């Protein structure tokens, strides 16, 4: 017996597969590492990068946390905030960090 409801033929057009769990985790880890780089910056350097207010506040909060566990949680929160940004904003932040690292050398 053949069921037409199971026929998923969409005229050759396939919907793109969502990213795998491993890929999502790699992206989240990369954004968290970018956030760690932001935390290492000085106040003057942070002011030169256009960051959303909530992300800037989270970075400044992380700079003041000295406990290892609390700092780790705050870095995870920064990664969460960064996942909410557009790709162009993330690229701009990465480019600004790269420029600052080049000028420090």
C-alpha atoms as a PDB file:
ATOM      1  CA  UNK A   1       0.000   0.000   0.000  1.00  0.00           C
ATOM      2  CA  UNK A   2       1.430   3.384  -0.997  1.00  0.00           C
ATOM      3  CA  UNK A   3       0.807   6.482   1.093  1.00  0.00           C
ATOM      4  CA  UNK A   4       0.932   9.819  -0.766  1.00  0.00           C
ATOM      5  CA  UNK A   5       1.526  11.666   2.500  1.00  0.00           C
ATOM      6  CA  UNK A   6       5.017  10.171   2.690  1.00  0.00           C
ATOM      7  CA  UNK A   7       5.977  11.402  -0.771  1.00  0.00           C
ATOM      8  CA  UNK A   8       8.291  14.340  -0.113  1.00  0.00           C
ATOM      9  CA  UNK A   9       9.039  15.171  -3.750  1.00  0.00           C
ATOM     10  CA  UNK A  10       9.348  18.962  -3.935  1.00  0.00           C
ATOM     11  CA  UNK A  11      10.262  19.211  -7.618  1.00  0.00           C
ATOM     12  CA  UNK A  12      13.941  18.574  -6.920  1.00  0.00           C
ATOM     13  CA  UNK A  13      14.265  21.404  -4.408  1.00  0.00           C
ATOM     14  CA  UNK A  14      15.655  20.250  -1.107  1.00  0.00           C
ATOM     15  CA  UNK A  15      15.504  22.347   2.010  1.00  0.00           C
ATOM     16  CA  UNK A  16      18.984  23.026   3.405  1.00  0.00           C
ATOM     17  CA  UNK A  17      19.824  20.913   6.394  1.00  0.00           C
ATOM     18  CA  UNK A  18      20.179  22.739   9.699  1.00  0.00           C
ATOM     19  CA  UNK A  19      23.701  22.804  11.153  1.00  0.00           C
ATOM     20  CA  UNK A  20      24.638  19.758  13.179  1.00  0.00           C
ATOM     21  CA  UNK A  21      24.882  19.917  16.944  1.00  0.00           C
ATOM     22  CA  UNK A  22      28.671  19.690  16.679  1.00  0.00           C
ATOM     23  CA  UNK A  23      28.760  22.616  14.249  1.00  0.00           C
ATOM     24  CA  UNK A  24      26.535  24.722  16.516  1.00  0.00           C
ATOM     25  CA  UNK A  25      28.822  23.929  19.454  1.00  0.00           C
ATOM     26  CA  UNK A  26      31.950  24.879  17.459  1.00  0.00           C
ATOM     27  CA  UNK A  27      30.343  28.200  16.527  1.00  0.00           C
ATOM     28  CA  UNK A  28      29.290  28.860  20.136  1.00  0.00           C
ATOM     29  CA  UNK A  29      32.803  28.061  21.388  1.00  0.00           C
ATOM     30  CA  UNK A  30      34.320  30.382  18.788  1.00  0.00           C
ATOM     31  CA  UNK A  31      32.034  33.222  19.885  1.00  0.00           C
ATOM     32  CA  UNK A  32      32.892  32.578  23.520  1.00  0.00           C
ATOM     33  CA  UNK A  33      36.607  32.767  22.631  1.00  0.00           C
ATOM     34  CA  UNK A  34      35.937  36.071  20.877  1.00  0.00           C
ATOM     35  CA  UNK A  35      34.222  37.237  24.065  1.00  0.00           C
ATOM     36  CA  UNK A  36      37.292  36.220  26.097  1.00  0.00           C
ATOM     37  CA  UNK A  37      39.400  38.432  23.864  1.00  0.00           C
ATOM     38  CA  UNK A  38      37.008  41.308  24.555  1.00  0.00           C
ATOM     39  CA  UNK A  39      37.344  40.759  28.307  1.00  0.00           C
ATOM     40  CA  UNK A  40      41.146  41.033  28.042  1.00  0.00           C
ATOM     41  CA  UNK A  41      40.931  44.525  26.506  1.00  0.00           C
ATOM     42  CA  UNK A  42      41.417  47.743  28.417  1.00  0.00           C
ATOM     43  CA  UNK A  43      38.603  50.238  28.896  1.00  0.00           C
ATOM     44  CA  UNK A  44      40.067  52.525  26.212  1.00  0.00           C
ATOM     45  CA  UNK A  45      40.264  49.668  23.739  1.00  0.00           C
ATOM     46  CA  UNK A  46      36.704  48.581  24.505  1.00  0.00           C
ATOM     47  CA  UNK A  47      35.444  52.101  23.850  1.00  0.00           C
ATOM     48  CA  UNK A  48      36.884  51.949  20.320  1.00  0.00           C
ATOM     49  CA  UNK A  49      34.723  48.935  19.419  1.00  0.00           C
ATOM     50  CA  UNK A  50      31.042  49.442  18.700  1.00  0.00           C
ATOM     51  CA  UNK A  51      29.367  46.963  21.053  1.00  0.00           C
ATOM     52  CA  UNK A  52      25.709  46.742  22.046  1.00  0.00           C
ATOM     53  CA  UNK A  53      25.079  48.110  25.532  1.00  0.00           C
ATOM     54  CA  UNK A  54      24.144  44.754  27.073  1.00  0.00           C
ATOM     55  CA  UNK A  55      27.253  43.072  25.662  1.00  0.00           C
ATOM     56  CA  UNK A  56      29.487  45.906  26.826  1.00  0.00           C
ATOM     57  CA  UNK A  57      27.990  45.711  30.326  1.00  0.00           C
ATOM     58  CA  UNK A  58      28.531  41.935  30.402  1.00  0.00           C
ATOM     59  CA  UNK A  59      32.166  42.339  29.316  1.00  0.00           C
ATOM     60  CA  UNK A  60      32.807  44.949  32.002  1.00  0.00           C
ATOM     61  CA  UNK A  61      31.135  42.704  34.569  1.00  0.00           C
ATOM     62  CA  UNK A  62      33.382  39.798  33.522  1.00  0.00           C
ATOM     63  CA  UNK A  63      36.450  41.998  33.960  1.00  0.00           C
ATOM     64  CA  UNK A  64      35.530  42.556  37.587  1.00  0.00           C
ATOM     65  CA  UNK A  65      34.863  38.889  38.437  1.00  0.00           C
ATOM     66  CA  UNK A  66      37.841  37.132  39.993  1.00  0.00           C
ATOM     67  CA  UNK A  67      36.334  33.766  40.923  1.00  0.00           C
ATOM     68  CA  UNK A  68      37.026  31.095  38.338  1.00  0.00           C
ATOM     69  CA  UNK A  69      33.524  29.598  38.235  1.00  0.00           C
ATOM     70  CA  UNK A  70      31.753  32.931  38.150  1.00  0.00           C
ATOM     71  CA  UNK A  71      34.038  34.221  35.418  1.00  0.00           C
ATOM     72  CA  UNK A  72      33.417  31.093  33.350  1.00  0.00           C
ATOM     73  CA  UNK A  73      29.642  31.518  33.651  1.00  0.00           C
ATOM     74  CA  UNK A  74      29.936  35.172  32.696  1.00  0.00           C
ATOM     75  CA  UNK A  75      31.989  34.234  29.614  1.00  0.00           C
ATOM     76  CA  UNK A  76      29.288  31.755  28.645  1.00  0.00           C
ATOM     77  CA  UNK A  77      26.726  34.538  29.028  1.00  0.00           C
ATOM     78  CA  UNK A  78      28.836  36.778  26.787  1.00  0.00           C
ATOM     79  CA  UNK A  79      28.876  33.979  24.202  1.00  0.00           C
ATOM     80  CA  UNK A  80      25.088  33.764  24.431  1.00  0.00           C
ATOM     81  CA  UNK A  81      24.764  37.498  23.855  1.00  0.00           C
ATOM     82  CA  UNK A  82      27.125  37.288  20.889  1.00  0.00           C
ATOM     83  CA  UNK A  83      25.046  34.503  19.303  1.00  0.00           C
ATOM     84  CA  UNK A  84      22.163  36.991  19.183  1.00  0.00           C
ATOM     85  CA  UNK A  85      24.197  39.437  17.073  1.00  0.00           C
ATOM     86  CA  UNK A  86      24.158  39.606  13.298  1.00  0.00           C
ATOM     87  CA  UNK A  87      27.021  38.002  11.386  1.00  0.00           C
ATOM     88  CA  UNK A  88      28.157  41.428  10.159  1.00  0.00           C
ATOM     89  CA  UNK A  89      28.403  42.717  13.741  1.00  0.00           C
ATOM     90  CA  UNK A  90      30.455  39.683  14.768  1.00  0.00           C
ATOM     91  CA  UNK A  91      32.761  40.141  11.772  1.00  0.00           C
ATOM     92  CA  UNK A  92      33.223  43.815  12.680  1.00  0.00           C
ATOM     93  CA  UNK A  93      34.136  42.909  16.260  1.00  0.00           C
ATOM     94  CA  UNK A  94      36.588  40.269  15.032  1.00  0.00           C
ATOM     95  CA  UNK A  95      38.162  42.716  12.582  1.00  0.00           C
ATOM     96  CA  UNK A  96      38.532  45.347  15.304  1.00  0.00           C
ATOM     97  CA  UNK A  97      40.196  42.821  17.620  1.00  0.00           C
ATOM     98  CA  UNK A  98      42.552  41.735  14.846  1.00  0.00           C
ATOM     99  CA  UNK A  99      43.481  45.349  14.150  1.00  0.00           C
ATOM    100  CA  UNK A 100      44.195  45.973  17.829  1.00  0.00           C
ATOM    101  CA  UNK A 101      46.400  42.881  18.043  1.00  0.00           C
ATOM    102  CA  UNK A 102      48.382  43.948  14.998  1.00  0.00           C
ATOM    103  CA  UNK A 103      48.961  47.443  16.363  1.00  0.00           C
ATOM    104  CA  UNK A 104      50.092  46.102  19.768  1.00  0.00           C
ATOM    105  CA  UNK A 105      52.945  44.112  18.223  1.00  0.00           C
END
